[in-house]
Amino acid sequence: MDDGMARISVEGKYSVFSFRDTCIRFRTSPKLKKYLRVKEWDNGYLVVDVDYSTLGETEEYVDLTSILDDLYIDAQRFLKPIKGVLIEHV
């Protein structure tokens, strides 16, 4: 069942964004411990609270459209059915 929700998580030095059968990994700081909460989802633009081992909690911004463009994925088509983003702890 497709609930329209994407997932974001941290795996080592990578963030992982997944929706349906697509999983996108992109480099993040190795100091990023985990995503804490999604504050805003705006069609490819994320505002999230994260926890860094050196900074503690802070607000971060993730622009998925530029990542998708770099991977030659049609960002508008990929992002359109996403209703929101959930944090997934692995």
Protein backbone atom coordinates (compact mmCIF):
# COMPACT_ATOMS: atom_id res chain seq x y z
CA MET A 1 0.00 0.00 0.00
CA ASP A 2 1.42 3.39 -1.03
CA ASP A 3 0.85 5.97 1.70
CA GLY A 4 2.58 8.75 -0.25
CA MET A 5 5.23 9.11 2.44
CA ALA A 6 8.96 9.16 1.73
CA ARG A 7 11.59 8.23 4.32
CA ILE A 8 14.91 9.81 5.26
CA SER A 9 17.62 8.28 7.42
CA VAL A 10 21.35 8.34 8.14
CA GLU A 11 23.66 5.44 7.30
CA GLY A 12 27.25 6.28 8.19
CA LYS A 13 28.40 9.24 6.12
CA TYR A 14 25.32 9.07 3.87
CA SER A 15 21.75 10.26 4.08
CA VAL A 16 19.23 7.95 2.48
CA PHE A 17 16.01 9.26 0.95
CA SER A 18 13.58 6.62 -0.25
CA PHE A 19 10.19 6.65 -1.89
CA ARG A 20 8.44 3.67 -3.40
CA ASP A 21 11.13 1.64 -5.18
CA THR A 22 13.70 4.46 -5.43
CA CYS A 23 16.45 4.89 -2.87
CA ILE A 24 18.82 7.86 -3.14
CA ARG A 25 22.01 8.05 -1.10
CA PHE A 26 23.91 11.31 -0.77
CA ARG A 27 26.95 12.27 1.29
CA THR A 28 26.46 14.12 4.52
CA SER A 29 28.78 15.05 7.32
CA PRO A 30 30.23 12.03 9.13
CA LYS A 31 29.33 13.95 12.31
CA LEU A 32 25.60 13.69 11.51
CA LYS A 33 24.17 11.19 13.99
CA LYS A 34 20.48 11.26 13.06
CA TYR A 35 17.54 13.17 11.75
CA LEU A 36 15.25 14.20 14.60
CA ARG A 37 12.19 15.71 12.93
CA VAL A 38 10.92 17.01 9.63
CA LYS A 39 9.74 20.57 10.12
CA GLU A 40 8.76 21.33 6.54
CA TRP A 41 8.37 19.50 3.24
CA ASP A 42 7.95 21.70 0.19
CA ASN A 43 8.12 19.63 -3.00
CA GLY A 44 11.77 18.65 -2.74
CA TYR A 45 12.93 21.11 -0.12
CA LEU A 46 13.28 19.80 3.44
CA VAL A 47 13.72 21.68 6.68
CA VAL A 48 14.82 19.21 9.35
CA ASP A 49 16.20 19.15 12.85
CA VAL A 50 19.29 16.97 13.09
CA ASP A 51 21.70 15.83 15.77
CA TYR A 52 25.43 16.25 15.17
CA SER A 53 28.03 14.63 17.42
CA THR A 54 29.90 17.96 17.62
CA LEU A 55 27.10 20.57 17.45
CA GLY A 56 24.16 18.83 19.05
CA GLU A 57 20.71 19.69 17.70
CA THR A 58 20.52 22.14 14.82
CA GLU A 59 18.29 22.99 11.88
CA GLU A 60 19.37 21.87 8.41
CA TYR A 61 18.06 22.36 4.88
CA VAL A 62 18.10 19.69 2.18
CA ASP A 63 17.41 20.53 -1.47
CA LEU A 64 16.51 17.24 -3.11
CA THR A 65 15.81 18.80 -6.51
CA SER A 66 19.49 19.51 -7.12
CA ILE A 67 20.44 15.99 -5.99
CA LEU A 68 17.83 14.45 -8.30
CA ASP A 69 18.97 16.64 -11.20
CA ASP A 70 22.57 15.48 -10.67
CA LEU A 71 21.31 11.88 -10.90
CA TYR A 72 19.35 12.60 -14.09
CA ILE A 73 16.05 11.89 -12.33
CA ASP A 74 13.07 14.00 -13.37
CA ALA A 75 12.64 15.85 -10.06
CA GLN A 76 9.17 17.20 -10.78
CA ARG A 77 7.82 13.78 -11.72
CA PHE A 78 9.54 11.97 -8.82
CA LEU A 79 8.52 14.50 -6.14
CA LYS A 80 4.92 15.17 -7.20
CA PRO A 81 3.29 12.14 -5.47
CA ILE A 82 5.20 12.61 -2.18
CA LYS A 83 2.84 13.89 0.51
CA GLY A 84 5.41 14.09 3.31
CA VAL A 85 8.63 12.70 4.73
CA LEU A 86 9.11 10.48 7.78
CA ILE A 87 12.27 9.93 9.78
CA GLU A 88 13.50 6.36 9.68
CA HIS A 89 16.05 5.25 12.26
CA VAL A 90 18.26 2.37 11.15
